[in-house]
Amino acid sequence: MSPRPAGRLESINVSRGGVPKRAVPQALVTEEGLSGDRQDDRRYHGGVDRAVTLFSLERIDLLRAEGHPIGIGTTGENLTVSGLDWATLKSGVRLRVGAVELELTKFASPCEKIARSFAQGDYARLSEKSHPGWSRVCARVRQGGPVRTGDTVVVLEPAPDAAD
């Protein structure tokens, strides 16, 4: 099997609850999420199957080009990454971010709390159902540890053939 192309961890984002999340240079990742990060509503955010949320810097840049005022961390992602084929990331895919191993579990559902990141408040622009390949993704932590901005991001396993 040939080596997979590597991506890069562009930003680590945390908040005391809500959005936007602010960038920090490093964080400890545990099965509960990132150190220094907290979710306001645990019914919809956090927990072991949604411990970490990831989003693509390339998608953020393309959304900006469409006229949306989105920025890194404004839609609540913990890890902003670049260099991955974002449309191929689905439930079951495993990623290594520095020393941390994540398993993608589901697409993150957009909600009105991220509306300020979108022209006319169109937060559904990140809906996987309406715009496949544009959603943020949630992950469980398979192996915790520290992450630092600039860490390498590698896809360890491709997405299963089954639909999400």
Protein backbone atom coordinates (compact mmCIF):
# COMPACT_ATOMS: atom_id res chain seq x y z
CA MET A 1 0.00 0.00 0.00
CA SER A 2 1.42 3.38 -0.96
CA PRO A 3 1.70 6.14 1.63
CA ARG A 4 -1.26 8.48 1.81
CA PRO A 5 -0.79 12.20 1.23
CA ALA A 6 -0.40 14.12 4.47
CA GLY A 7 -2.36 17.13 5.55
CA ARG A 8 -1.54 19.73 8.18
CA LEU A 9 -3.16 20.86 11.42
CA GLU A 10 -3.67 24.57 10.73
CA SER A 11 -5.47 25.62 13.91
CA ILE A 12 -6.53 24.21 17.29
CA ASN A 13 -9.69 25.93 18.52
CA VAL A 14 -11.30 25.98 21.96
CA SER A 15 -13.91 27.96 23.90
CA ARG A 16 -15.52 28.03 27.31
CA GLY A 17 -18.78 27.31 25.49
CA GLY A 18 -20.29 28.40 22.22
CA VAL A 19 -18.75 29.99 19.16
CA PRO A 20 -16.46 31.33 17.99
CA LYS A 21 -13.70 29.12 19.28
CA ARG A 22 -10.31 30.81 19.66
CA ALA A 23 -7.01 29.47 18.40
CA VAL A 24 -4.47 28.01 20.83
CA PRO A 25 -1.00 26.71 19.88
CA GLN A 26 -1.50 23.28 21.47
CA ALA A 27 -3.96 21.17 23.45
CA LEU A 28 -4.23 17.82 25.13
CA VAL A 29 -6.77 15.54 23.45
CA THR A 30 -8.59 12.98 25.62
CA GLU A 31 -11.63 10.80 25.00
CA GLU A 32 -13.73 13.72 26.30
CA GLY A 33 -12.26 16.28 23.88
CA LEU A 34 -9.65 19.04 23.99
CA SER A 35 -8.24 20.63 27.13
CA GLY A 36 -9.63 24.12 27.54
CA ASP A 37 -12.74 23.38 25.46
CA ARG A 38 -16.30 23.13 26.71
CA GLN A 39 -19.73 22.75 25.10
CA ASP A 40 -22.81 24.66 26.23
CA ASP A 41 -25.36 21.99 25.29
CA ARG A 42 -24.13 18.42 25.79
CA ARG A 43 -27.30 17.00 24.20
CA TYR A 44 -25.97 18.07 20.79
CA HIS A 45 -22.25 18.60 21.34
CA GLY A 46 -19.44 16.67 22.97
CA GLY A 47 -19.46 13.18 24.43
CA VAL A 48 -17.17 10.36 23.38
CA ASP A 49 -18.59 10.00 19.84
CA ARG A 50 -18.39 13.77 19.27
CA ALA A 51 -15.30 14.55 21.33
CA VAL A 52 -13.54 16.43 18.52
CA THR A 53 -14.96 18.33 15.55
CA LEU A 54 -12.83 18.92 12.44
CA PHE A 55 -13.20 21.20 9.42
CA SER A 56 -11.23 21.95 6.28
CA LEU A 57 -9.31 25.19 5.76
CA GLU A 58 -9.84 24.80 2.00
CA ARG A 59 -13.62 24.65 2.56
CA ILE A 60 -13.45 27.76 4.76
CA ASP A 61 -11.52 29.58 2.01
CA LEU A 62 -14.04 28.52 -0.65
CA LEU A 63 -16.95 29.63 1.54
CA ARG A 64 -15.26 33.02 1.98
CA ALA A 65 -14.93 33.24 -1.81
CA GLU A 66 -18.73 32.68 -2.01
CA GLY A 67 -19.16 35.77 0.19
CA HIS A 68 -19.64 34.15 3.60
CA PRO A 69 -17.98 35.85 6.61
CA ILE A 70 -16.78 32.49 7.99
CA GLY A 71 -13.44 32.23 9.76
CA ILE A 72 -11.37 29.59 11.48
CA GLY A 73 -13.21 28.45 14.61
CA THR A 74 -16.39 30.42 13.89
CA THR A 75 -18.41 27.28 13.16
CA GLY A 76 -17.17 25.49 16.27
CA GLU A 77 -14.52 23.17 14.88
CA ASN A 78 -11.77 22.11 17.28
CA LEU A 79 -9.26 21.22 14.59
CA THR A 80 -8.93 23.09 11.30
CA VAL A 81 -6.94 21.00 8.83
CA SER A 82 -5.63 21.42 5.30
CA GLY A 83 -4.39 19.12 2.57
CA LEU A 84 -6.98 16.33 2.85
CA ASP A 85 -9.55 15.27 0.25
CA TRP A 86 -12.40 16.53 2.43
CA ALA A 87 -15.19 14.96 0.36
CA THR A 88 -13.82 11.47 1.10
CA LEU A 89 -13.94 11.81 4.89
CA LYS A 90 -16.82 9.81 6.30
CA SER A 91 -17.79 7.82 9.36
CA GLY A 92 -15.26 5.07 10.07
CA VAL A 93 -12.24 6.84 8.60
CA ARG A 94 -9.31 7.04 11.02
CA LEU A 95 -6.92 9.97 11.13
CA ARG A 96 -3.61 10.47 12.88
CA VAL A 97 -3.06 14.06 13.99
CA GLY A 98 0.43 14.27 15.44
CA ALA A 99 0.40 11.49 18.07
CA VAL A 100 -3.41 11.44 18.37
CA GLU A 101 -5.62 8.92 16.59
CA LEU A 102 -9.20 9.87 15.76
CA GLU A 103 -12.07 7.88 14.24
CA LEU A 104 -14.67 9.90 12.38
CA THR A 105 -18.17 9.11 13.65
CA LYS A 106 -20.67 11.45 11.99
CA PHE A 107 -21.21 14.71 10.19
CA ALA A 108 -21.84 17.69 12.44
CA SER A 109 -25.33 19.12 12.04
CA PRO A 110 -25.33 22.87 11.49
CA CYS A 111 -27.42 25.04 13.83
CA GLU A 112 -28.48 28.66 14.15
CA LYS A 113 -25.60 29.42 16.53
CA ILE A 114 -23.22 29.49 13.54
CA ALA A 115 -25.50 31.68 11.38
CA ARG A 116 -23.20 34.73 11.73
CA SER A 117 -20.60 32.83 9.68
CA PHE A 118 -22.87 32.81 6.62
CA ALA A 119 -24.35 35.35 4.24
CA GLN A 120 -28.03 35.83 5.03
CA GLY A 121 -27.50 33.50 8.02
CA ASP A 122 -27.57 30.46 5.72
CA TYR A 123 -25.96 28.02 8.18
CA ALA A 124 -27.51 25.11 6.23
CA ARG A 125 -24.62 25.71 3.79
CA LEU A 126 -22.75 23.16 5.98
CA SER A 127 -25.53 20.55 5.81
CA GLU A 128 -24.17 17.24 4.53
CA LYS A 129 -27.62 16.37 3.12
CA SER A 130 -27.87 19.57 1.07
CA HIS A 131 -24.17 20.04 0.28
CA PRO A 132 -22.29 16.70 0.41
CA GLY A 133 -18.61 17.07 1.19
CA TRP A 134 -18.98 20.45 2.91
CA SER A 135 -19.86 19.45 6.46
CA ARG A 136 -17.72 19.48 9.55
CA VAL A 137 -17.02 15.99 10.93
CA CYS A 138 -17.12 14.66 14.48
CA ALA A 139 -14.67 12.11 15.84
CA ARG A 140 -14.04 9.87 18.80
CA VAL A 141 -10.57 9.71 20.27
CA ARG A 142 -8.91 6.30 19.79
CA GLN A 143 -5.57 7.44 21.21
CA GLY A 144 -5.21 10.69 23.08
CA GLY A 145 -2.21 12.93 23.49
CA PRO A 146 -0.98 16.40 22.67
CA VAL A 147 -1.61 18.19 19.38
CA ARG A 148 0.23 21.25 18.13
CA THR A 149 -0.43 23.64 15.29
CA GLY A 150 1.59 22.37 12.32
CA ASP A 151 1.22 18.67 13.19
CA THR A 152 0.90 16.28 10.28
CA VAL A 153 -2.56 14.82 9.57
CA VAL A 154 -2.69 11.42 7.86
CA VAL A 155 -5.64 9.28 6.77
CA LEU A 156 -5.02 5.81 8.24
CA GLU A 157 -8.04 4.01 6.79
CA PRO A 158 -10.27 4.93 3.88
CA ALA A 159 -13.99 5.35 4.34
CA PRO A 160 -15.99 2.12 4.39
CA ASP A 161 -18.11 1.46 1.30
CA ALA A 162 -21.30 1.64 3.36
CA ALA A 163 -23.09 4.99 3.41
CA ASP A 164 -22.95 7.08 6.57
